[in-house]
Amino acid sequence: MKNYILLLIALFFLNSCQDFLDETPKGTLIPETVNDFGMILDNYSYDNYISYGQCLTLIMSDDFTIPDDKAYKYASWGINAYTWADHLFSVNDDEDCYTNFYHVIYLCNYILNNLSNAPDGTEFTRAYVEGAARFHRAYAYFNLVNLYAKHYDKNTAGTDLGVPLTLEADPNITIGRSTVQQVYDQIFIDLNAAKDLLTEEKPKYSFRPNQTAVYALLARIYLYQGEYEQCRVAASIAREQWNMPFDYNQYGLEDVNPDFGISGYSYNRWEEADIICYKGEGYGPNEDADYNLSDELIALFDKETDLRWKLFITSYPLFSGEDPNGDTPRTAFWFPNNRGLNIGELYLTEAEACVRVNKLDDALYLLNEVARKRHIMGTYTDVTKRDPEKLLELILDERRRECICKGTRWFDLKRLNKEPRFAKSITHTLYGETYTLEPNDNHYVLPIPLIVTNQNPQIEQNPR
């Protein structure tokens, strides 16, 4: 893999200055051709990390808990996140989530700013490179605005503070925060362009976006905006272009402990089943990357028939030196970790939208199609009741089971808190102390990293 010096060093382009090297060291290149740009977009797991996927909020949600005897595994910012502290990182610490998404944005801006003058390539087309860069930029801005800004509300989005928005690859730019509406407007500009540029039916690698990925991301965004008919249409287009959900009955445990292997399961995480577009796991608060499930999430599973529970959740200790009597249920080593776009989530997104626009037959089909392939063959009974309120609850529960560790639960909590029937208080306990997060609390909006606000006073901090 070529080492592109110009792009690997721009990590804080909105709030700090980076010194570019005067000379190109031996063995490195400044990207110039369409192929060079395509290779940057393929560099999913190296320093570029174009396929970064957030896991900052996993431990903040109601899905996981930190047992007292497991707290030592967590970074200090992970404990701060779990207890919803006013600030997660110190003034001297980079926050990987903020930094990495803006790193991705810088890379995409550089490509889009220079693509028109780049010589043609052979492996990558100009259309693909532009479409993929627009997709990745949109994905990054969507995550940033949902992490560091209020949930989208069409009545206030024009004045609610979003995140800094720039389309220029200039690491010396210092600007303030755009509005939530301005950020979403740019996301839609990028995605509407990308869907016409990305036409490949099935990419060679799942970290390469295609038109299906664009429509799947549009469906997710429309869901969070409450635009349910547009969500249903986008999800339906994506679903018809893709495969059916993978049947988990094709997997099998190689040992009673899922940590030791699952037959038929790929070692390369981007080759997991049901991926529409792969986004990596990012940097987590837990050095061992296993998460203990909350009692509430545990109660949602049929432990006798649900293959997600049998294959990917375990009570065996991760290390031999830990309690030999076992752990509380936790995610296993082989837990699916794609934080991008998945077919199961897409089906359930469309199912929810169908209920909300009163297309109940479609909603039932979509819900049952996912759930049937997540249970031991012959044990799942299709849902047939057409009560919209009950059906919506069932879909949301299935979505929660299907999307563990996908990075979407925090965003779901934010949007559902806007509906009184789904608003909830979350309680976390650690070392005898109880912490409570009420619906619509200011702490649902993450603080802008202190290192950012200190270096760029134009960026206003979120209320704590």
Protein backbone atom coordinates (compact mmCIF):
# COMPACT_ATOMS: atom_id res chain seq x y z
CA MET A 1 0.00 0.00 0.00
CA LYS A 2 1.41 3.38 -1.00
CA ASN A 3 2.17 5.80 1.80
CA TYR A 4 0.50 9.12 1.05
CA ILE A 5 2.25 11.64 3.20
CA LEU A 6 0.08 14.63 2.40
CA LEU A 7 -3.07 12.95 3.62
CA LEU A 8 -1.90 11.02 6.62
CA ILE A 9 -0.88 14.02 8.67
CA ALA A 10 -4.02 16.15 8.54
CA LEU A 11 -5.85 15.05 11.66
CA PHE A 12 -7.13 18.29 13.11
CA PHE A 13 -7.73 20.33 10.03
CA LEU A 14 -10.48 22.50 11.48
CA ASN A 15 -8.81 23.65 14.63
CA SER A 16 -5.05 23.38 14.42
CA CYS A 17 -2.21 23.93 11.99
CA GLN A 18 -0.15 21.07 10.65
CA ASP A 19 3.35 21.49 9.26
CA PHE A 20 3.63 19.82 5.90
CA LEU A 21 7.01 18.38 5.06
CA ASP A 22 9.05 20.31 2.54
CA GLU A 23 10.28 17.18 0.83
CA THR A 24 8.70 13.86 0.01
CA PRO A 25 10.62 11.15 1.89
CA LYS A 26 11.86 8.18 -0.04
CA GLY A 27 9.16 5.58 -0.61
CA THR A 28 6.24 8.02 -0.27
CA LEU A 29 4.05 9.71 -2.86
CA ILE A 30 1.77 12.68 -3.04
CA PRO A 31 -1.49 11.32 -4.53
CA GLU A 32 -2.21 12.74 -7.96
CA THR A 33 -4.03 10.21 -10.16
CA VAL A 34 -7.50 8.74 -10.09
CA ASN A 35 -5.91 5.43 -9.07
CA ASP A 36 -4.04 7.12 -6.21
CA PHE A 37 -7.31 8.56 -4.93
CA GLY A 38 -9.04 5.20 -5.28
CA MET A 39 -6.32 3.54 -3.21
CA ILE A 40 -6.82 6.12 -0.45
CA LEU A 41 -10.50 5.22 -0.38
CA ASP A 42 -9.55 1.52 -0.17
CA ASN A 43 -7.18 2.10 2.76
CA TYR A 44 -9.82 1.01 5.24
CA SER A 45 -7.66 -0.18 8.15
CA TYR A 46 -4.41 1.74 8.06
CA ASP A 47 -3.53 5.27 9.12
CA ASN A 48 -6.14 6.80 6.80
CA TYR A 49 -8.89 4.69 8.32
CA ILE A 50 -11.38 5.86 5.70
CA SER A 51 -13.80 3.24 7.04
CA TYR A 52 -13.79 4.50 10.61
CA GLY A 53 -16.94 3.62 12.56
CA GLN A 54 -17.80 5.16 15.89
CA CYS A 55 -18.04 3.15 19.10
CA LEU A 56 -17.72 6.14 21.44
CA THR A 57 -21.34 5.86 22.59
CA LEU A 58 -21.64 2.09 23.05
CA ILE A 59 -21.05 2.16 26.77
CA MET A 60 -23.20 5.28 27.20
CA SER A 61 -26.37 3.53 26.08
CA ASP A 62 -28.78 1.20 27.87
CA ASP A 63 -27.35 -1.88 26.12
CA PHE A 64 -24.28 -2.42 28.30
CA THR A 65 -23.05 -2.33 31.85
CA ILE A 66 -19.66 -2.19 33.53
CA PRO A 67 -19.39 -4.67 36.41
CA ASP A 68 -17.15 -3.39 39.18
CA ASP A 69 -14.63 -6.17 38.60
CA LYS A 70 -14.37 -5.28 34.88
CA ALA A 71 -13.89 -1.53 35.26
CA TYR A 72 -10.10 -1.93 35.12
CA LYS A 73 -10.43 -2.84 31.43
CA TYR A 74 -11.78 0.58 30.54
CA ALA A 75 -9.89 3.70 29.62
CA SER A 76 -10.60 6.70 31.80
CA TRP A 77 -12.69 8.25 29.04
CA GLY A 78 -14.73 5.03 28.90
CA ILE A 79 -15.63 5.40 32.58
CA ASN A 80 -16.44 9.07 31.95
CA ALA A 81 -18.71 8.04 29.09
CA TYR A 82 -20.43 5.36 31.17
CA THR A 83 -21.21 7.90 33.92
CA TRP A 84 -22.12 10.68 31.48
CA ALA A 85 -19.49 13.04 32.81
CA ASP A 86 -19.51 16.63 31.60
CA HIS A 87 -16.32 16.00 29.61
CA LEU A 88 -15.00 12.65 28.45
CA PHE A 89 -11.42 13.65 27.67
CA SER A 90 -8.96 16.02 29.31
CA VAL A 91 -7.86 19.26 27.69
CA ASN A 92 -4.66 17.58 26.47
CA ASP A 93 -6.24 14.48 24.94
CA ASP A 94 -7.29 13.94 21.35
CA GLU A 95 -10.73 12.41 21.01
CA ASP A 96 -10.41 9.65 18.42
CA CYS A 97 -14.03 9.85 17.30
CA TYR A 98 -14.03 13.58 16.49
CA THR A 99 -10.51 13.49 15.09
CA ASN A 100 -10.98 10.43 12.90
CA PHE A 101 -14.22 11.54 11.31
CA TYR A 102 -12.67 14.89 10.44
CA HIS A 103 -9.64 13.02 9.17
CA VAL A 104 -11.96 11.13 6.80
CA ILE A 105 -13.58 14.42 5.78
CA TYR A 106 -10.17 15.93 5.03
CA LEU A 107 -9.24 12.97 2.84
CA CYS A 108 -12.51 13.19 0.93
CA ASN A 109 -12.20 16.95 0.54
CA TYR A 110 -8.67 16.56 -0.82
CA ILE A 111 -9.82 14.00 -3.35
CA LEU A 112 -12.85 16.02 -4.44
CA ASN A 113 -10.83 19.26 -4.64
CA ASN A 114 -8.22 17.66 -6.91
CA LEU A 115 -10.10 14.99 -8.86
CA SER A 116 -10.98 17.10 -11.90
CA ASN A 117 -7.31 17.63 -12.76
CA ALA A 118 -6.18 14.07 -12.00
CA PRO A 119 -5.07 11.77 -14.84
CA ASP A 120 -7.41 8.86 -15.56
CA GLY A 121 -6.87 5.57 -13.78
CA THR A 122 -7.21 1.97 -14.82
CA GLU A 123 -8.41 0.23 -11.62
CA PHE A 124 -10.74 2.98 -10.40
CA THR A 125 -13.10 5.08 -12.48
CA ARG A 126 -13.45 8.81 -11.95
CA ALA A 127 -17.16 8.35 -11.22
CA TYR A 128 -16.49 5.74 -8.54
CA VAL A 129 -13.84 7.85 -6.80
CA GLU A 130 -16.08 10.92 -6.68
CA GLY A 131 -19.09 8.91 -5.55
CA ALA A 132 -17.18 7.03 -2.86
CA ALA A 133 -15.58 10.22 -1.53
CA ARG A 134 -18.98 11.88 -1.33
CA PHE A 135 -20.46 8.83 0.41
CA HIS A 136 -17.69 8.66 3.03
CA ARG A 137 -17.89 12.41 3.67
CA ALA A 138 -21.65 12.21 4.12
CA TYR A 139 -21.31 9.25 6.47
CA ALA A 140 -18.74 11.12 8.58
CA TYR A 141 -20.82 14.30 8.81
CA PHE A 142 -23.95 12.31 9.66
CA ASN A 143 -22.18 10.69 12.60
CA LEU A 144 -20.61 13.94 13.77
CA VAL A 145 -23.85 15.91 13.72
CA ASN A 146 -25.67 13.15 15.61
CA LEU A 147 -22.91 12.87 18.21
CA TYR A 148 -22.13 16.53 18.84
CA ALA A 149 -25.46 18.23 18.13
CA LYS A 150 -29.09 17.95 19.13
CA HIS A 151 -31.31 15.42 17.42
CA TYR A 152 -32.70 16.71 14.14
CA ASP A 153 -35.88 18.75 14.60
CA LYS A 154 -37.16 20.46 11.46
CA ASN A 155 -38.57 23.29 13.60
CA THR A 156 -35.21 24.19 15.16
CA ALA A 157 -32.57 22.65 12.86
CA GLY A 158 -32.01 26.03 11.20
CA THR A 159 -30.75 27.50 14.48
CA ASP A 160 -29.46 24.47 16.44
CA LEU A 161 -25.67 24.34 16.45
CA GLY A 162 -24.29 21.47 14.39
CA VAL A 163 -20.61 20.85 13.70
CA PRO A 164 -17.96 22.73 11.69
CA LEU A 165 -18.70 22.25 8.01
CA THR A 166 -16.06 22.67 5.33
CA LEU A 167 -15.57 21.29 1.86
CA GLU A 168 -11.99 22.48 1.48
CA ALA A 169 -8.84 20.44 2.18
CA ASP A 170 -7.06 23.21 4.02
CA PRO A 171 -5.72 22.21 7.46
CA ASN A 172 -5.28 25.86 8.41
CA ILE A 173 -8.97 26.74 8.18
CA THR A 174 -10.54 27.77 11.48
CA ILE A 175 -14.31 28.14 11.42
CA GLY A 176 -17.18 27.90 13.84
CA ARG A 177 -20.12 25.53 13.91
CA SER A 178 -22.65 25.37 11.12
CA THR A 179 -26.29 24.71 11.93
CA VAL A 180 -27.75 21.23 12.04
CA GLN A 181 -29.77 22.04 8.91
CA GLN A 182 -26.70 23.17 6.98
CA VAL A 183 -24.89 19.94 7.82
CA TYR A 184 -27.85 17.81 6.75
CA ASP A 185 -28.23 19.83 3.54
CA GLN A 186 -24.63 19.02 2.62
CA ILE A 187 -25.12 15.35 3.49
CA PHE A 188 -28.02 15.16 1.05
CA ILE A 189 -26.09 17.02 -1.65
CA ASP A 190 -23.32 14.43 -1.37
CA LEU A 191 -25.59 11.40 -1.27
CA ASN A 192 -27.84 12.54 -4.11
CA ALA A 193 -24.73 12.97 -6.25
CA ALA A 194 -23.22 9.67 -5.06
CA LYS A 195 -26.27 7.56 -5.93
CA ASP A 196 -25.89 8.51 -9.60
CA LEU A 197 -22.12 7.96 -9.58
CA LEU A 198 -21.98 4.61 -7.79
CA THR A 199 -23.64 2.06 -10.01
CA GLU A 200 -21.73 -1.18 -9.35
CA GLU A 201 -24.22 -3.82 -8.26
CA LYS A 202 -21.96 -5.70 -5.86
CA PRO A 203 -18.54 -4.29 -4.94
CA LYS A 204 -15.54 -6.58 -4.84
CA TYR A 205 -14.96 -5.54 -1.22
CA SER A 206 -17.61 -4.53 1.29
CA PHE A 207 -15.71 -1.41 2.33
CA ARG A 208 -16.32 0.00 -1.16
CA PRO A 209 -19.70 1.76 -1.23
CA ASN A 210 -22.12 1.33 -4.09
CA GLN A 211 -25.58 2.65 -4.93
CA THR A 212 -27.21 0.26 -2.48
CA ALA A 213 -25.08 1.70 0.33
CA VAL A 214 -26.16 5.22 -0.62
CA TYR A 215 -29.86 4.31 -0.46
CA ALA A 216 -29.34 2.41 2.80
CA LEU A 217 -27.67 5.44 4.36
CA LEU A 218 -30.42 7.70 3.05
CA ALA A 219 -32.98 5.39 4.65
CA ARG A 220 -31.17 5.62 7.99
CA ILE A 221 -31.01 9.41 7.79
CA TYR A 222 -34.68 9.77 6.84
CA LEU A 223 -35.60 7.53 9.78
CA TYR A 224 -33.76 9.81 12.20
CA GLN A 225 -35.41 12.85 10.63
CA GLY A 226 -38.86 11.30 11.00
CA GLU A 227 -39.42 11.38 7.22
CA TYR A 228 -40.97 7.93 7.19
CA GLU A 229 -42.31 7.73 3.64
CA GLN A 230 -38.98 8.85 2.20
CA CYS A 231 -37.29 6.36 4.50
CA ARG A 232 -39.53 3.55 3.29
CA VAL A 233 -38.87 4.33 -0.37
CA ALA A 234 -35.08 4.58 0.03
CA ALA A 235 -34.93 1.39 2.11
CA SER A 236 -37.08 -0.48 -0.39
CA ILE A 237 -34.77 0.48 -3.28
CA ALA A 238 -31.70 -0.64 -1.32
CA ARG A 239 -33.33 -3.89 -0.24
CA GLU A 240 -34.39 -4.81 -3.77
CA GLN A 241 -30.82 -4.29 -4.97
CA TRP A 242 -29.29 -6.54 -2.31
CA ASN A 243 -29.42 -10.04 -0.86
CA MET A 244 -31.90 -11.42 1.62
CA PRO A 245 -30.75 -11.51 5.27
CA PHE A 246 -28.23 -14.27 5.90
CA ASP A 247 -29.59 -17.34 7.68
CA TYR A 248 -27.63 -17.74 10.93
CA ASN A 249 -28.52 -21.45 10.92
CA GLN A 250 -25.58 -21.82 8.51
CA TYR A 251 -23.21 -20.98 11.35
CA GLY A 252 -22.15 -23.37 14.09
CA LEU A 253 -20.05 -23.17 17.23
CA GLU A 254 -16.64 -24.81 17.02
CA ASP A 255 -16.56 -24.96 20.82
CA VAL A 256 -19.02 -24.32 23.62
CA ASN A 257 -17.30 -20.95 24.00
CA PRO A 258 -17.95 -18.68 20.98
CA ASP A 259 -14.58 -16.98 21.60
CA PHE A 260 -12.91 -20.09 20.17
CA GLY A 261 -14.54 -19.94 16.78
CA ILE A 262 -17.70 -20.07 14.69
CA SER A 263 -17.72 -22.35 11.67
CA GLY A 264 -18.43 -20.54 8.42
CA TYR A 265 -17.60 -17.18 9.97
CA SER A 266 -14.94 -15.13 8.20
CA TYR A 267 -11.77 -14.08 10.00
CA ASN A 268 -11.78 -10.92 7.88
CA ARG A 269 -14.45 -8.79 9.45
CA TRP A 270 -15.31 -6.99 6.21
CA GLU A 271 -16.37 -10.40 4.87
CA GLU A 272 -19.03 -10.98 7.54
CA ALA A 273 -22.48 -11.83 6.25
CA ASP A 274 -25.11 -9.12 5.77
CA ILE A 275 -22.69 -6.23 5.27
CA ILE A 276 -23.82 -3.59 2.79
CA CYS A 277 -20.92 -1.24 3.51
CA TYR A 278 -18.24 -1.98 6.08
CA LYS A 279 -17.12 0.51 8.69
CA GLY A 280 -14.52 -0.69 11.16
CA GLU A 281 -14.83 -0.83 14.90
CA GLY A 282 -12.76 2.26 15.61
CA TYR A 283 -11.18 2.82 18.99
CA GLY A 284 -13.21 1.59 21.92
CA PRO A 285 -13.26 2.37 25.63
CA ASN A 286 -12.59 -1.29 26.49
CA GLU A 287 -9.14 -2.66 25.76
CA ASP A 288 -10.51 -6.20 25.35
CA ALA A 289 -13.47 -5.10 23.19
CA ASP A 290 -15.97 -7.26 25.07
CA TYR A 291 -19.03 -5.63 26.59
CA ASN A 292 -21.25 -6.96 29.37
CA LEU A 293 -24.92 -6.77 28.44
CA SER A 294 -27.39 -4.85 30.59
CA ASP A 295 -30.15 -6.77 32.35
CA GLU A 296 -32.69 -5.02 30.14
CA LEU A 297 -31.01 -6.15 26.92
CA ILE A 298 -30.51 -9.69 28.24
CA ALA A 299 -34.24 -9.93 28.94
CA LEU A 300 -35.06 -9.20 25.29
CA PHE A 301 -33.53 -12.47 24.05
CA ASP A 302 -35.07 -15.92 23.79
CA LYS A 303 -31.98 -17.68 25.04
CA GLU A 304 -33.11 -21.10 23.82
CA THR A 305 -33.76 -20.22 20.19
CA ASP A 306 -32.12 -16.90 19.28
CA LEU A 307 -28.90 -17.67 17.39
CA ARG A 308 -27.51 -14.21 18.05
CA TRP A 309 -27.47 -15.13 21.71
CA LYS A 310 -26.04 -18.60 21.17
CA LEU A 311 -23.37 -17.58 18.66
CA PHE A 312 -22.24 -14.16 19.77
CA ILE A 313 -23.02 -13.84 23.50
CA THR A 314 -21.15 -15.83 26.14
CA SER A 315 -20.71 -16.10 29.90
CA TYR A 316 -17.34 -17.82 29.68
CA PRO A 317 -14.46 -15.76 31.10
CA LEU A 318 -12.36 -14.13 28.42
CA PHE A 319 -9.10 -14.99 30.17
CA SER A 320 -8.23 -18.02 32.26
CA GLY A 321 -7.22 -15.88 35.21
CA GLU A 322 -10.69 -14.44 35.57
CA ASP A 323 -13.54 -15.85 37.63
CA PRO A 324 -13.77 -19.55 36.67
CA ASN A 325 -17.48 -19.51 37.46
CA GLY A 326 -17.99 -17.35 34.42
CA ASP A 327 -18.88 -13.81 33.55
CA THR A 328 -22.19 -12.04 33.21
CA PRO A 329 -23.29 -12.30 29.57
CA ARG A 330 -20.95 -10.37 27.29
CA THR A 331 -20.18 -10.01 23.62
CA ALA A 332 -17.88 -12.74 22.39
CA PHE A 333 -14.66 -12.20 20.47
CA TRP A 334 -16.41 -13.02 17.19
CA PHE A 335 -19.29 -10.63 17.72
CA PRO A 336 -20.21 -8.96 14.39
CA ASN A 337 -18.53 -5.57 14.51
CA ASN A 338 -19.55 -3.79 11.32
CA ARG A 339 -20.55 -0.27 12.30
CA GLY A 340 -21.48 0.64 8.78
CA LEU A 341 -24.61 -0.53 6.98
CA ASN A 342 -26.16 -3.98 7.40
CA ILE A 343 -29.02 -5.77 5.67
CA GLY A 344 -30.73 -6.69 8.95
CA GLU A 345 -30.82 -3.06 10.07
CA LEU A 346 -32.07 -2.03 6.61
CA TYR A 347 -35.02 -4.46 6.76
CA LEU A 348 -35.98 -3.24 10.23
CA THR A 349 -35.59 0.41 9.24
CA GLU A 350 -38.02 -0.17 6.41
CA ALA A 351 -40.31 -2.19 8.70
CA GLU A 352 -40.51 0.68 11.18
CA ALA A 353 -41.18 3.18 8.42
CA CYS A 354 -43.92 0.91 7.04
CA VAL A 355 -45.69 0.79 10.40
CA ARG A 356 -45.51 4.54 10.75
CA VAL A 357 -47.12 5.05 7.31
CA ASN A 358 -49.66 2.27 7.92
CA LYS A 359 -48.31 -0.35 5.52
CA LEU A 360 -48.68 -3.13 8.06
CA ASP A 361 -48.45 -6.13 5.72
CA ASP A 362 -45.08 -4.93 4.46
CA ALA A 363 -43.91 -4.31 8.02
CA LEU A 364 -44.87 -7.84 9.08
CA TYR A 365 -43.05 -9.38 6.13
CA LEU A 366 -39.85 -7.44 6.82
CA LEU A 367 -39.84 -8.13 10.56
CA ASN A 368 -40.48 -11.85 10.13
CA GLU A 369 -37.92 -12.19 7.34
CA VAL A 370 -35.15 -11.00 9.68
CA ALA A 371 -36.29 -12.73 12.87
CA ARG A 372 -36.87 -16.08 11.19
CA LYS A 373 -33.24 -16.20 10.05
CA ARG A 374 -31.95 -15.28 13.47
CA HIS A 375 -33.60 -18.21 15.28
CA ILE A 376 -33.02 -21.95 15.25
CA MET A 377 -34.83 -23.35 12.24
CA GLY A 378 -38.44 -24.17 12.99
CA THR A 379 -38.58 -22.41 16.36
CA TYR A 380 -39.70 -18.94 15.29
CA THR A 381 -43.40 -18.18 14.97
CA ASP A 382 -44.21 -15.38 12.55
CA VAL A 383 -45.81 -12.27 13.98
CA THR A 384 -49.27 -11.86 12.48
CA LYS A 385 -51.03 -9.35 14.73
CA ARG A 386 -51.72 -6.05 13.02
CA ASP A 387 -51.98 -3.75 16.02
CA PRO A 388 -49.72 -0.84 14.90
CA GLU A 389 -48.65 0.11 18.43
CA LYS A 390 -47.67 -3.42 19.40
CA LEU A 391 -46.05 -4.10 16.04
CA LEU A 392 -43.89 -0.98 16.36
CA GLU A 393 -42.72 -2.13 19.79
CA LEU A 394 -41.80 -5.56 18.39
CA ILE A 395 -39.85 -3.99 15.53
CA LEU A 396 -37.95 -1.69 17.89
CA ASP A 397 -37.07 -4.64 20.14
CA GLU A 398 -35.88 -6.63 17.12
CA ARG A 399 -33.86 -3.64 15.96
CA ARG A 400 -32.18 -3.47 19.36
CA ARG A 401 -31.23 -7.17 19.22
CA GLU A 402 -30.04 -6.91 15.64
CA CYS A 403 -27.98 -3.74 16.06
CA ILE A 404 -25.94 -4.50 19.18
CA CYS A 405 -22.50 -2.87 18.87
CA LYS A 406 -23.45 -1.16 15.61
CA GLY A 407 -23.21 2.34 17.09
CA THR A 408 -26.87 3.16 16.36
CA ARG A 409 -28.47 2.66 19.79
CA TRP A 410 -27.45 6.08 21.12
CA PHE A 411 -28.96 7.77 18.07
CA ASP A 412 -32.12 5.66 18.49
CA LEU A 413 -32.43 6.77 22.11
CA LYS A 414 -32.13 10.41 21.07
CA ARG A 415 -34.87 10.15 18.45
CA LEU A 416 -37.21 7.99 20.53
CA ASN A 417 -36.93 10.37 23.48
CA LYS A 418 -38.91 12.81 21.32
CA GLU A 419 -41.90 10.47 21.62
CA PRO A 420 -43.33 10.39 25.17
CA ARG A 421 -44.35 6.72 24.88
CA PHE A 422 -40.73 5.69 24.22
CA ALA A 423 -38.85 8.24 26.33
CA LYS A 424 -36.91 6.57 29.12
CA SER A 425 -34.48 7.23 31.92
CA ILE A 426 -31.23 5.22 31.87
CA THR A 427 -29.46 4.16 35.05
CA HIS A 428 -25.85 3.03 35.35
CA THR A 429 -24.22 1.81 38.54
CA LEU A 430 -20.51 1.65 39.32
CA TYR A 431 -18.75 1.10 42.66
CA GLY A 432 -21.98 1.64 44.57
CA GLU A 433 -22.76 4.96 42.87
CA THR A 434 -25.87 5.32 40.72
CA TYR A 435 -25.96 7.62 37.71
CA THR A 436 -29.15 8.54 35.86
CA LEU A 437 -29.64 10.07 32.42
CA GLU A 438 -33.07 11.57 31.86
CA PRO A 439 -34.74 11.91 28.45
CA ASN A 440 -33.44 14.87 26.43
CA ASP A 441 -30.73 15.61 28.99
CA ASN A 442 -27.94 17.88 27.73
CA HIS A 443 -25.56 14.94 28.05
CA TYR A 444 -27.22 13.21 25.09
CA VAL A 445 -25.23 15.76 23.08
CA LEU A 446 -21.55 14.96 23.49
CA PRO A 447 -19.15 17.73 24.48
CA ILE A 448 -16.92 19.14 21.78
CA PRO A 449 -13.43 17.93 22.80
CA LEU A 450 -11.73 20.47 25.04
CA ILE A 451 -8.56 20.35 22.95
CA VAL A 452 -10.66 21.56 20.01
CA THR A 453 -12.45 24.42 21.76
CA ASN A 454 -9.18 25.58 23.34
CA GLN A 455 -7.42 25.72 19.99
CA ASN A 456 -10.34 27.28 18.14
CA PRO A 457 -12.47 29.64 20.26
CA GLN A 458 -14.89 30.02 17.33
CA ILE A 459 -16.26 26.57 18.14
CA GLU A 460 -18.91 27.00 20.83
CA GLN A 461 -19.15 24.32 23.51
CA ASN A 462 -22.34 22.33 24.07
CA PRO A 463 -24.22 23.03 27.33
CA ARG A 464 -23.36 20.60 30.07
